[in-house]
Amino acid sequence: MMRNNHISYIEFKTNDLVKTKEFYAKTFGWEFKDYGSAYASFSESGVHGGFELSDKEVSNGALVVIYSKDLEYSEGKVVKNGGKITKEIFEFPGGRRFHFTDPTGNELGVWSDR
């Protein structure tokens, strides 16, 4: 059910759609549906969204944060699958978090309340 004034979709740019899909599938178990060769939507992420192929430099205007039950495990999966840690695990009121970039430059965070 869609709710008024709630985030319903997140869209990212990528310079390599195949590499991006492989990274998020292997790291977080996301699933994809292709819409031609330049766009893929994702699901099984907690929110719906997509990746659009672009020849422009990737930059992020918002930090999307993914929840994880096991922060250290997720951090290891990010690195194993080609991501780069940009901010090591740190504590904040309510939990802990780290930031990373995916193989094409999108920066995201992962947090846990444990």
PDB file of N, CA and C in Angstrom:
ATOM      1  N   MET A   1       0.836  -1.177   0.000  1.00  0.00           N
ATOM      2  CA  MET A   1       0.000   0.000   0.000  1.00  0.00           C
ATOM      3  C   MET A   1       0.883   1.243   0.000  1.00  0.00           C
ATOM      4  N   MET A   2       0.634   2.129  -0.913  1.00  0.00           N
ATOM      5  CA  MET A   2       1.373   3.385  -0.983  1.00  0.00           C
ATOM      6  C   MET A   2       0.802   4.347   0.046  1.00  0.00           C
ATOM      7  N   ARG A   3       1.695   5.088   0.715  1.00  0.00           N
ATOM      8  CA  ARG A   3       1.259   6.064   1.712  1.00  0.00           C
ATOM      9  C   ARG A   3       1.676   7.454   1.267  1.00  0.00           C
ATOM     10  N   ASN A   4       0.773   8.382   1.381  1.00  0.00           N
ATOM     11  CA  ASN A   4       1.023   9.758   0.997  1.00  0.00           C
ATOM     12  C   ASN A   4       2.212  10.332   1.768  1.00  0.00           C
ATOM     13  N   ASN A   5       3.120  10.992   1.076  1.00  0.00           N
ATOM     14  CA  ASN A   5       4.287  11.669   1.641  1.00  0.00           C
ATOM     15  C   ASN A   5       5.338  10.724   2.215  1.00  0.00           C
ATOM     16  N   HIS A   6       5.325   9.459   1.823  1.00  0.00           N
ATOM     17  CA  HIS A   6       6.352   8.508   2.248  1.00  0.00           C
ATOM     18  C   HIS A   6       7.206   8.133   1.045  1.00  0.00           C
ATOM     19  N   ILE A   7       8.463   7.878   1.275  1.00  0.00           N
ATOM     20  CA  ILE A   7       9.342   7.469   0.184  1.00  0.00           C
ATOM     21  C   ILE A   7       8.811   6.163  -0.396  1.00  0.00           C
ATOM     22  N   SER A   8       8.680   6.107  -1.713  1.00  0.00           N
ATOM     23  CA  SER A   8       8.175   4.896  -2.350  1.00  0.00           C
ATOM     24  C   SER A   8       9.146   4.324  -3.372  1.00  0.00           C
ATOM     25  N   TYR A   9      10.180   5.083  -3.741  1.00  0.00           N
ATOM     26  CA  TYR A   9      11.093   4.629  -4.789  1.00  0.00           C
ATOM     27  C   TYR A   9      12.390   5.407  -4.666  1.00  0.00           C
ATOM     28  N   ILE A  10      13.488   4.741  -4.895  1.00  0.00           N
ATOM     29  CA  ILE A  10      14.798   5.392  -4.886  1.00  0.00           C
ATOM     30  C   ILE A  10      15.486   5.030  -6.194  1.00  0.00           C
ATOM     31  N   GLU A  11      16.035   6.029  -6.867  1.00  0.00           N
ATOM     32  CA  GLU A  11      16.698   5.775  -8.139  1.00  0.00           C
ATOM     33  C   GLU A  11      18.147   6.244  -8.075  1.00  0.00           C
ATOM     34  N   PHE A  12      19.024   5.411  -8.584  1.00  0.00           N
ATOM     35  CA  PHE A  12      20.455   5.696  -8.616  1.00  0.00           C
ATOM     36  C   PHE A  12      20.940   5.708 -10.055  1.00  0.00           C
ATOM     37  N   LYS A  13      22.015   6.398 -10.303  1.00  0.00           N
ATOM     38  CA  LYS A  13      22.737   6.345 -11.574  1.00  0.00           C
ATOM     39  C   LYS A  13      23.861   5.332 -11.426  1.00  0.00           C
ATOM     40  N   THR A  14      24.274   4.740 -12.533  1.00  0.00           N
ATOM     41  CA  THR A  14      25.401   3.821 -12.536  1.00  0.00           C
ATOM     42  C   THR A  14      26.099   3.894 -13.879  1.00  0.00           C
ATOM     43  N   ASN A  15      27.403   3.670 -13.881  1.00  0.00           N
ATOM     44  CA  ASN A  15      28.169   3.614 -15.121  1.00  0.00           C
ATOM     45  C   ASN A  15      28.321   2.181 -15.622  1.00  0.00           C
ATOM     46  N   ASP A  16      27.886   1.198 -14.827  1.00  0.00           N
ATOM     47  CA  ASP A  16      27.997  -0.214 -15.207  1.00  0.00           C
ATOM     48  C   ASP A  16      26.827  -0.962 -14.579  1.00  0.00           C
ATOM     49  N   LEU A  17      25.758  -1.127 -15.332  1.00  0.00           N
ATOM     50  CA  LEU A  17      24.538  -1.733 -14.816  1.00  0.00           C
ATOM     51  C   LEU A  17      24.746  -3.191 -14.410  1.00  0.00           C
ATOM     52  N   VAL A  18      25.500  -3.940 -15.187  1.00  0.00           N
ATOM     53  CA  VAL A  18      25.749  -5.350 -14.877  1.00  0.00           C
ATOM     54  C   VAL A  18      26.513  -5.490 -13.563  1.00  0.00           C
ATOM     55  N   LYS A  19      27.571  -4.719 -13.402  1.00  0.00           N
ATOM     56  CA  LYS A  19      28.386  -4.764 -12.183  1.00  0.00           C
ATOM     57  C   LYS A  19      27.570  -4.336 -10.968  1.00  0.00           C
ATOM     58  N   THR A  20      26.738  -3.313 -11.121  1.00  0.00           N
ATOM     59  CA  THR A  20      25.906  -2.825 -10.030  1.00  0.00           C
ATOM     60  C   THR A  20      24.901  -3.878  -9.584  1.00  0.00           C
ATOM     61  N   LYS A  21      24.213  -4.498 -10.541  1.00  0.00           N
ATOM     62  CA  LYS A  21      23.235  -5.534 -10.208  1.00  0.00           C
ATOM     63  C   LYS A  21      23.920  -6.713  -9.518  1.00  0.00           C
ATOM     64  N   GLU A  22      25.062  -7.118 -10.024  1.00  0.00           N
ATOM     65  CA  GLU A  22      25.787  -8.239  -9.424  1.00  0.00           C
ATOM     66  C   GLU A  22      26.187  -7.924  -7.979  1.00  0.00           C
ATOM     67  N   PHE A  23      26.681  -6.716  -7.741  1.00  0.00           N
ATOM     68  CA  PHE A  23      27.097  -6.314  -6.401  1.00  0.00           C
ATOM     69  C   PHE A  23      25.932  -6.383  -5.415  1.00  0.00           C
ATOM     70  N   TYR A  24      24.788  -5.757  -5.733  1.00  0.00           N
ATOM     71  CA  TYR A  24      23.670  -5.715  -4.795  1.00  0.00           C
ATOM     72  C   TYR A  24      22.989  -7.074  -4.638  1.00  0.00           C
ATOM     73  N   ALA A  25      22.980  -7.884  -5.682  1.00  0.00           N
ATOM     74  CA  ALA A  25      22.422  -9.237  -5.574  1.00  0.00           C
ATOM     75  C   ALA A  25      23.277 -10.096  -4.649  1.00  0.00           C
ATOM     76  N   LYS A  26      24.596 -10.067  -4.849  1.00  0.00           N
ATOM     77  CA  LYS A  26      25.497 -10.894  -4.031  1.00  0.00           C
ATOM     78  C   LYS A  26      25.612 -10.388  -2.597  1.00  0.00           C
ATOM     79  N   THR A  27      25.618  -9.078  -2.428  1.00  0.00           N
ATOM     80  CA  THR A  27      25.852  -8.505  -1.107  1.00  0.00           C
ATOM     81  C   THR A  27      24.603  -8.492  -0.238  1.00  0.00           C
ATOM     82  N   PHE A  28      23.444  -8.112  -0.811  1.00  0.00           N
ATOM     83  CA  PHE A  28      22.240  -7.930  -0.012  1.00  0.00           C
ATOM     84  C   PHE A  28      21.048  -8.797  -0.447  1.00  0.00           C
ATOM     85  N   GLY A  29      21.219  -9.603  -1.496  1.00  0.00           N
ATOM     86  CA  GLY A  29      20.153 -10.481  -1.944  1.00  0.00           C
ATOM     87  C   GLY A  29      19.032  -9.789  -2.705  1.00  0.00           C
ATOM     88  N   TRP A  30      19.302  -8.593  -3.234  1.00  0.00           N
ATOM     89  CA  TRP A  30      18.281  -7.883  -3.985  1.00  0.00           C
ATOM     90  C   TRP A  30      18.000  -8.601  -5.298  1.00  0.00           C
ATOM     91  N   GLU A  31      16.787  -8.414  -5.822  1.00  0.00           N
ATOM     92  CA  GLU A  31      16.392  -8.985  -7.099  1.00  0.00           C
ATOM     93  C   GLU A  31      16.141  -7.845  -8.087  1.00  0.00           C
ATOM     94  N   PHE A  32      16.314  -8.154  -9.381  1.00  0.00           N
ATOM     95  CA  PHE A  32      16.227  -7.114 -10.411  1.00  0.00           C
ATOM     96  C   PHE A  32      15.302  -7.512 -11.546  1.00  0.00           C
ATOM     97  N   LYS A  33      14.698  -6.495 -12.153  1.00  0.00           N
ATOM     98  CA  LYS A  33      13.925  -6.666 -13.374  1.00  0.00           C
ATOM     99  C   LYS A  33      14.436  -5.631 -14.367  1.00  0.00           C
ATOM    100  N   ASP A  34      14.901  -6.112 -15.514  1.00  0.00           N
ATOM    101  CA  ASP A  34      15.447  -5.222 -16.533  1.00  0.00           C
ATOM    102  C   ASP A  34      14.343  -4.599 -17.359  1.00  0.00           C
ATOM    103  N   TYR A  35      14.526  -3.326 -17.674  1.00  0.00           N
ATOM    104  CA  TYR A  35      13.654  -2.585 -18.584  1.00  0.00           C
ATOM    105  C   TYR A  35      14.554  -2.047 -19.688  1.00  0.00           C
ATOM    106  N   GLY A  36      14.860  -2.895 -20.641  1.00  0.00           N
ATOM    107  CA  GLY A  36      15.814  -2.541 -21.683  1.00  0.00           C
ATOM    108  C   GLY A  36      17.231  -2.698 -21.163  1.00  0.00           C
ATOM    109  N   SER A  37      18.179  -2.119 -21.884  1.00  0.00           N
ATOM    110  CA  SER A  37      19.585  -2.276 -21.516  1.00  0.00           C
ATOM    111  C   SER A  37      20.109  -1.156 -20.622  1.00  0.00           C
ATOM    112  N   ALA A  38      19.280  -0.154 -20.351  1.00  0.00           N
ATOM    113  CA  ALA A  38      19.764   1.004 -19.595  1.00  0.00           C
ATOM    114  C   ALA A  38      19.052   1.218 -18.266  1.00  0.00           C
ATOM    115  N   TYR A  39      18.163   0.287 -17.874  1.00  0.00           N
ATOM    116  CA  TYR A  39      17.456   0.479 -16.612  1.00  0.00           C
ATOM    117  C   TYR A  39      17.082  -0.864 -16.002  1.00  0.00           C
ATOM    118  N   ALA A  40      17.242  -0.955 -14.684  1.00  0.00           N
ATOM    119  CA  ALA A  40      16.803  -2.143 -13.945  1.00  0.00           C
ATOM    120  C   ALA A  40      16.187  -1.687 -12.632  1.00  0.00           C
ATOM    121  N   SER A  41      15.000  -2.204 -12.338  1.00  0.00           N
ATOM    122  CA  SER A  41      14.389  -1.922 -11.039  1.00  0.00           C
ATOM    123  C   SER A  41      14.864  -2.978 -10.048  1.00  0.00           C
ATOM    124  N   PHE A  42      14.838  -2.633  -8.759  1.00  0.00           N
ATOM    125  CA  PHE A  42      15.223  -3.610  -7.742  1.00  0.00           C
ATOM    126  C   PHE A  42      14.102  -3.806  -6.743  1.00  0.00           C
ATOM    127  N   SER A  43      14.096  -4.996  -6.136  1.00  0.00           N
ATOM    128  CA  SER A  43      13.138  -5.337  -5.094  1.00  0.00           C
ATOM    129  C   SER A  43      13.856  -6.175  -4.049  1.00  0.00           C
ATOM    130  N   GLU A  44      13.130  -6.551  -2.998  1.00  0.00           N
ATOM    131  CA  GLU A  44      13.695  -7.307  -1.873  1.00  0.00           C
ATOM    132  C   GLU A  44      14.731  -6.477  -1.108  1.00  0.00           C
ATOM    133  N   SER A  45      14.534  -5.159  -1.123  1.00  0.00           N
ATOM    134  CA  SER A  45      15.463  -4.252  -0.450  1.00  0.00           C
ATOM    135  C   SER A  45      14.801  -3.489   0.685  1.00  0.00           C
ATOM    136  N   GLY A  46      13.495  -3.648   0.854  1.00  0.00           N
ATOM    137  CA  GLY A  46      12.759  -2.882   1.856  1.00  0.00           C
ATOM    138  C   GLY A  46      12.058  -1.681   1.261  1.00  0.00           C
ATOM    139  N   VAL A  47      12.492  -1.240   0.100  1.00  0.00           N
ATOM    140  CA  VAL A  47      11.869  -0.154  -0.644  1.00  0.00           C
ATOM    141  C   VAL A  47      12.128  -0.429  -2.120  1.00  0.00           C
ATOM    142  N   HIS A  48      11.248   0.006  -2.981  1.00  0.00           N
ATOM    143  CA  HIS A  48      11.453  -0.210  -4.409  1.00  0.00           C
ATOM    144  C   HIS A  48      12.313   0.904  -4.994  1.00  0.00           C
ATOM    145  N   GLY A  49      13.057   0.552  -6.027  1.00  0.00           N
ATOM    146  CA  GLY A  49      13.898   1.540  -6.673  1.00  0.00           C
ATOM    147  C   GLY A  49      14.484   0.995  -7.951  1.00  0.00           C
ATOM    148  N   GLY A  50      15.435   1.740  -8.496  1.00  0.00           N
ATOM    149  CA  GLY A  50      16.056   1.311  -9.733  1.00  0.00           C
ATOM    150  C   GLY A  50      17.410   1.946  -9.958  1.00  0.00           C
ATOM    151  N   PHE A  51      18.126   1.386 -10.932  1.00  0.00           N
ATOM    152  CA  PHE A  51      19.417   1.898 -11.372  1.00  0.00           C
ATOM    153  C   PHE A  51      19.306   2.259 -12.842  1.00  0.00           C
ATOM    154  N   GLU A  52      19.733   3.482 -13.173  1.00  0.00           N
ATOM    155  CA  GLU A  52      19.718   3.951 -14.549  1.00  0.00           C
ATOM    156  C   GLU A  52      21.144   4.093 -15.053  1.00  0.00           C
ATOM    157  N   LEU A  53      21.422   3.512 -16.217  1.00  0.00           N
ATOM    158  CA  LEU A  53      22.739   3.611 -16.831  1.00  0.00           C
ATOM    159  C   LEU A  53      22.987   5.048 -17.266  1.00  0.00           C
ATOM    160  N   SER A  54      24.168   5.564 -16.951  1.00  0.00           N
ATOM    161  CA  SER A  54      24.514   6.947 -17.279  1.00  0.00           C
ATOM    162  C   SER A  54      25.975   7.025 -17.668  1.00  0.00           C
ATOM    163  N   ASP A  55      26.296   7.910 -18.600  1.00  0.00           N
ATOM    164  CA  ASP A  55      27.696   8.126 -18.954  1.00  0.00           C
ATOM    165  C   ASP A  55      28.277   9.310 -18.184  1.00  0.00           C
ATOM    166  N   LYS A  56      27.491   9.916 -17.313  1.00  0.00           N
ATOM    167  CA  LYS A  56      27.962  11.026 -16.478  1.00  0.00           C
ATOM    168  C   LYS A  56      28.559  10.488 -15.182  1.00  0.00           C
ATOM    169  N   GLU A  57      29.398  11.294 -14.530  1.00  0.00           N
ATOM    170  CA  GLU A  57      29.985  10.906 -13.254  1.00  0.00           C
ATOM    171  C   GLU A  57      28.877  10.686 -12.223  1.00  0.00           C
ATOM    172  N   VAL A  58      28.992   9.613 -11.468  1.00  0.00           N
ATOM    173  CA  VAL A  58      27.997   9.297 -10.440  1.00  0.00           C
ATOM    174  C   VAL A  58      28.272  10.124  -9.196  1.00  0.00           C
ATOM    175  N   SER A  59      27.251  10.812  -8.705  1.00  0.00           N
ATOM    176  CA  SER A  59      27.353  11.522  -7.431  1.00  0.00           C
ATOM    177  C   SER A  59      26.028  11.340  -6.711  1.00  0.00           C
ATOM    178  N   ASN A  60      26.081  11.363  -5.411  1.00  0.00           N
ATOM    179  CA  ASN A  60      24.895  11.080  -4.606  1.00  0.00           C
ATOM    180  C   ASN A  60      24.418  12.340  -3.899  1.00  0.00           C
ATOM    181  N   GLY A  61      23.122  12.618  -4.007  1.00  0.00           N
ATOM    182  CA  GLY A  61      22.553  13.761  -3.318  1.00  0.00           C
ATOM    183  C   GLY A  61      21.922  13.392  -1.993  1.00  0.00           C
ATOM    184  N   ALA A  62      21.741  12.096  -1.746  1.00  0.00           N
ATOM    185  CA  ALA A  62      21.126  11.628  -0.508  1.00  0.00           C
ATOM    186  C   ALA A  62      21.815  10.353  -0.055  1.00  0.00           C
ATOM    187  N   LEU A  63      21.856  10.143   1.232  1.00  0.00           N
ATOM    188  CA  LEU A  63      22.429   8.915   1.767  1.00  0.00           C
ATOM    189  C   LEU A  63      21.297   7.954   2.075  1.00  0.00           C
ATOM    190  N   VAL A  64      21.266   6.859   1.381  1.00  0.00           N
ATOM    191  CA  VAL A  64      20.300   5.801   1.645  1.00  0.00           C
ATOM    192  C   VAL A  64      20.953   4.851   2.641  1.00  0.00           C
ATOM    193  N   VAL A  65      20.203   4.462   3.664  1.00  0.00           N
ATOM    194  CA  VAL A  65      20.762   3.607   4.710  1.00  0.00           C
ATOM    195  C   VAL A  65      19.997   2.293   4.756  1.00  0.00           C
ATOM    196  N   ILE A  66      20.748   1.207   4.740  1.00  0.00           N
ATOM    197  CA  ILE A  66      20.200  -0.149   4.751  1.00  0.00           C
ATOM    198  C   ILE A  66      20.333  -0.705   6.159  1.00  0.00           C
ATOM    199  N   TYR A  67      19.298  -1.376   6.652  1.00  0.00           N
ATOM    200  CA  TYR A  67      19.357  -2.002   7.970  1.00  0.00           C
ATOM    201  C   TYR A  67      20.009  -3.375   7.867  1.00  0.00           C
ATOM    202  N   SER A  68      20.821  -3.747   8.868  1.00  0.00           N
ATOM    203  CA  SER A  68      21.445  -5.066   8.933  1.00  0.00           C
ATOM    204  C   SER A  68      21.369  -5.597  10.356  1.00  0.00           C
ATOM    205  N   LYS A  69      21.035  -6.879  10.484  1.00  0.00           N
ATOM    206  CA  LYS A  69      21.041  -7.524  11.796  1.00  0.00           C
ATOM    207  C   LYS A  69      22.461  -7.781  12.273  1.00  0.00           C
ATOM    208  N   ASP A  70      23.422  -7.917  11.344  1.00  0.00           N
ATOM    209  CA  ASP A  70      24.820  -8.228  11.662  1.00  0.00           C
ATOM    210  C   ASP A  70      25.722  -7.292  10.870  1.00  0.00           C
ATOM    211  N   LEU A  71      26.114  -6.202  11.491  1.00  0.00           N
ATOM    212  CA  LEU A  71      26.862  -5.142  10.823  1.00  0.00           C
ATOM    213  C   LEU A  71      28.214  -5.624  10.298  1.00  0.00           C
ATOM    214  N   GLU A  72      28.937  -6.378  11.110  1.00  0.00           N
ATOM    215  CA  GLU A  72      30.253  -6.846  10.682  1.00  0.00           C
ATOM    216  C   GLU A  72      30.144  -7.789   9.485  1.00  0.00           C
ATOM    217  N   TYR A  73      29.142  -8.644   9.487  1.00  0.00           N
ATOM    218  CA  TYR A  73      28.930  -9.554   8.352  1.00  0.00           C
ATOM    219  C   TYR A  73      28.650  -8.752   7.082  1.00  0.00           C
ATOM    220  N   SER A  74      27.776  -7.763   7.190  1.00  0.00           N
ATOM    221  CA  SER A  74      27.453  -6.934   6.031  1.00  0.00           C
ATOM    222  C   SER A  74      28.671  -6.169   5.533  1.00  0.00           C
ATOM    223  N   GLU A  75      29.468  -5.666   6.447  1.00  0.00           N
ATOM    224  CA  GLU A  75      30.677  -4.950   6.053  1.00  0.00           C
ATOM    225  C   GLU A  75      31.608  -5.873   5.268  1.00  0.00           C
ATOM    226  N   GLY A  76      31.765  -7.099   5.734  1.00  0.00           N
ATOM    227  CA  GLY A  76      32.601  -8.068   5.032  1.00  0.00           C
ATOM    228  C   GLY A  76      32.076  -8.379   3.643  1.00  0.00           C
ATOM    229  N   LYS A  77      30.753  -8.507   3.503  1.00  0.00           N
ATOM    230  CA  LYS A  77      30.147  -8.782   2.202  1.00  0.00           C
ATOM    231  C   LYS A  77      30.346  -7.603   1.244  1.00  0.00           C
ATOM    232  N   VAL A  78      30.244  -6.390   1.753  1.00  0.00           N
ATOM    233  CA  VAL A  78      30.465  -5.210   0.919  1.00  0.00           C
ATOM    234  C   VAL A  78      31.865  -5.260   0.327  1.00  0.00           C
ATOM    235  N   VAL A  79      32.864  -5.483   1.166  1.00  0.00           N
ATOM    236  CA  VAL A  79      34.250  -5.510   0.716  1.00  0.00           C
ATOM    237  C   VAL A  79      34.486  -6.689  -0.233  1.00  0.00           C
ATOM    238  N   LYS A  80      33.992  -7.863   0.127  1.00  0.00           N
ATOM    239  CA  LYS A  80      34.174  -9.064  -0.689  1.00  0.00           C
ATOM    240  C   LYS A  80      33.636  -8.888  -2.104  1.00  0.00           C
ATOM    241  N   ASN A  81      32.558  -8.136  -2.239  1.00  0.00           N
ATOM    242  CA  ASN A  81      31.906  -7.989  -3.532  1.00  0.00           C
ATOM    243  C   ASN A  81      32.274  -6.712  -4.279  1.00  0.00           C
ATOM    244  N   GLY A  82      33.351  -6.062  -3.865  1.00  0.00           N
ATOM    245  CA  GLY A  82      33.879  -4.939  -4.628  1.00  0.00           C
ATOM    246  C   GLY A  82      33.538  -3.557  -4.128  1.00  0.00           C
ATOM    247  N   GLY A  83      32.855  -3.459  -2.988  1.00  0.00           N
ATOM    248  CA  GLY A  83      32.566  -2.156  -2.410  1.00  0.00           C
ATOM    249  C   GLY A  83      33.764  -1.633  -1.627  1.00  0.00           C
ATOM    250  N   LYS A  84      33.763  -0.346  -1.337  1.00  0.00           N
ATOM    251  CA  LYS A  84      34.844   0.274  -0.562  1.00  0.00           C
ATOM    252  C   LYS A  84      34.239   0.961   0.658  1.00  0.00           C
ATOM    253  N   ILE A  85      34.799   0.692   1.814  1.00  0.00           N
ATOM    254  CA  ILE A  85      34.345   1.335   3.053  1.00  0.00           C
ATOM    255  C   ILE A  85      34.831   2.781   3.047  1.00  0.00           C
ATOM    256  N   THR A  86      33.914   3.729   3.212  1.00  0.00           N
ATOM    257  CA  THR A  86      34.283   5.141   3.250  1.00  0.00           C
ATOM    258  C   THR A  86      34.258   5.704   4.666  1.00  0.00           C
ATOM    259  N   LYS A  87      33.526   5.049   5.568  1.00  0.00           N
ATOM    260  CA  LYS A  87      33.493   5.435   6.972  1.00  0.00           C
ATOM    261  C   LYS A  87      33.342   4.153   7.776  1.00  0.00           C
ATOM    262  N   GLU A  88      34.365   3.849   8.569  1.00  0.00           N
ATOM    263  CA  GLU A  88      34.368   2.631   9.382  1.00  0.00           C
ATOM    264  C   GLU A  88      33.180   2.624  10.351  1.00  0.00           C
ATOM    265  N   ILE A  89      32.885   1.467  10.901  1.00  0.00           N
ATOM    266  CA  ILE A  89      31.774   1.332  11.852  1.00  0.00           C
ATOM    267  C   ILE A  89      31.934   2.338  12.993  1.00  0.00           C
ATOM    268  N   PHE A  90      30.864   3.056  13.274  1.00  0.00           N
ATOM    269  CA  PHE A  90      30.856   4.025  14.369  1.00  0.00           C
ATOM    270  C   PHE A  90      29.525   3.925  15.096  1.00  0.00           C
ATOM    271  N   GLU A  91      29.511   4.405  16.326  1.00  0.00           N
ATOM    272  CA  GLU A  91      28.290   4.381  17.132  1.00  0.00           C
ATOM    273  C   GLU A  91      27.573   5.717  17.034  1.00  0.00           C
ATOM    274  N   PHE A  92      26.265   5.647  17.126  1.00  0.00           N
ATOM    275  CA  PHE A  92      25.425   6.835  17.193  1.00  0.00           C
ATOM    276  C   PHE A  92      24.254   6.488  18.104  1.00  0.00           C
ATOM    277  N   PRO A  93      23.519   7.468  18.601  1.00  0.00           N
ATOM    278  CA  PRO A  93      22.391   7.148  19.474  1.00  0.00           C
ATOM    279  C   PRO A  93      21.408   6.206  18.759  1.00  0.00           C
ATOM    280  N   GLY A  94      21.232   5.028  19.299  1.00  0.00           N
ATOM    281  CA  GLY A  94      20.316   4.071  18.699  1.00  0.00           C
ATOM    282  C   GLY A  94      20.964   2.955  17.916  1.00  0.00           C
ATOM    283  N   GLY A  95      22.280   3.005  17.734  1.00  0.00           N
ATOM    284  CA  GLY A  95      22.905   1.920  16.987  1.00  0.00           C
ATOM    285  C   GLY A  95      24.313   2.207  16.521  1.00  0.00           C
ATOM    286  N   ARG A  96      24.696   1.461  15.487  1.00  0.00           N
ATOM    287  CA  ARG A  96      26.018   1.600  14.873  1.00  0.00           C
ATOM    288  C   ARG A  96      25.830   1.605  13.365  1.00  0.00           C
ATOM    289  N   ARG A  97      26.821   2.133  12.651  1.00  0.00           N
ATOM    290  CA  ARG A  97      26.681   2.276  11.208  1.00  0.00           C
ATOM    291  C   ARG A  97      28.042   2.363  10.546  1.00  0.00           C
ATOM    292  N   PHE A  98      28.088   2.019   9.256  1.00  0.00           N
ATOM    293  CA  PHE A  98      29.248   2.307   8.412  1.00  0.00           C
ATOM    294  C   PHE A  98      28.744   2.803   7.065  1.00  0.00           C
ATOM    295  N   HIS A  99      29.633   3.447   6.313  1.00  0.00           N
ATOM    296  CA  HIS A  99      29.310   3.928   4.976  1.00  0.00           C
ATOM    297  C   HIS A  99      30.208   3.217   3.981  1.00  0.00           C
ATOM    298  N   PHE A 100      29.723   3.063   2.750  1.00  0.00           N
ATOM    299  CA  PHE A 100      30.515   2.439   1.698  1.00  0.00           C
ATOM    300  C   PHE A 100      30.112   3.017   0.347  1.00  0.00           C
ATOM    301  N   THR A 101      30.965   2.809  -0.651  1.00  0.00           N
ATOM    302  CA  THR A 101      30.594   3.081  -2.029  1.00  0.00           C
ATOM    303  C   THR A 101      30.527   1.755  -2.759  1.00  0.00           C
ATOM    304  N   ASP A 102      29.546   1.662  -3.662  1.00  0.00           N
ATOM    305  CA  ASP A 102      29.440   0.462  -4.494  1.00  0.00           C
ATOM    306  C   ASP A 102      30.484   0.564  -5.610  1.00  0.00           C
ATOM    307  N   PRO A 103      30.633  -0.455  -6.441  1.00  0.00           N
ATOM    308  CA  PRO A 103      31.672  -0.427  -7.465  1.00  0.00           C
ATOM    309  C   PRO A 103      31.580   0.719  -8.471  1.00  0.00           C
ATOM    310  N   THR A 104      30.432   1.388  -8.578  1.00  0.00           N
ATOM    311  CA  THR A 104      30.340   2.501  -9.524  1.00  0.00           C
ATOM    312  C   THR A 104      30.247   3.863  -8.853  1.00  0.00           C
ATOM    313  N   GLY A 105      30.408   3.930  -7.519  1.00  0.00           N
ATOM    314  CA  GLY A 105      30.518   5.218  -6.840  1.00  0.00           C
ATOM    315  C   GLY A 105      29.346   5.681  -6.008  1.00  0.00           C
ATOM    316  N   ASN A 106      28.230   4.959  -5.990  1.00  0.00           N
ATOM    317  CA  ASN A 106      27.113   5.354  -5.118  1.00  0.00           C
ATOM    318  C   ASN A 106      27.490   5.118  -3.660  1.00  0.00           C
ATOM    319  N   GLU A 107      27.294   6.130  -2.813  1.00  0.00           N
ATOM    320  CA  GLU A 107      27.583   5.966  -1.388  1.00  0.00           C
ATOM    321  C   GLU A 107      26.299   5.680  -0.623  1.00  0.00           C
ATOM    322  N   LEU A 108      26.350   4.658   0.209  1.00  0.00           N
ATOM    323  CA  LEU A 108      25.234   4.267   1.056  1.00  0.00           C
ATOM    324  C   LEU A 108      25.754   4.005   2.456  1.00  0.00           C
ATOM    325  N   GLY A 109      24.830   3.838   3.395  1.00  0.00           N
ATOM    326  CA  GLY A 109      25.178   3.465   4.753  1.00  0.00           C
ATOM    327  C   GLY A 109      24.488   2.165   5.112  1.00  0.00           C
ATOM    328  N   VAL A 110      25.048   1.477   6.093  1.00  0.00           N
ATOM    329  CA  VAL A 110      24.423   0.281   6.653  1.00  0.00           C
ATOM    330  C   VAL A 110      24.412   0.471   8.160  1.00  0.00           C
ATOM    331  N   TRP A 111      23.260   0.229   8.796  1.00  0.00           N
ATOM    332  CA  TRP A 111      23.164   0.440  10.238  1.00  0.00           C
ATOM    333  C   TRP A 111      22.558  -0.777  10.909  1.00  0.00           C
ATOM    334  N   SER A 112      22.795  -0.848  12.214  1.00  0.00           N
ATOM    335  CA  SER A 112      22.214  -1.897  13.039  1.00  0.00           C
ATOM    336  C   SER A 112      21.910  -1.320  14.410  1.00  0.00           C
ATOM    337  N   ASP A 113      20.871  -1.837  15.034  1.00  0.00           N
ATOM    338  CA  ASP A 113      20.550  -1.419  16.393  1.00  0.00           C
ATOM    339  C   ASP A 113      21.227  -2.329  17.400  1.00  0.00           C
ATOM    340  N   ARG A 114      22.095  -3.200  16.954  1.00  0.00           N
ATOM    341  CA  ARG A 114      22.816  -4.136  17.828  1.00  0.00           C
ATOM    342  C   ARG A 114      24.271  -3.802  17.936  1.00  0.00           C
TER     343      ARG A 114
END
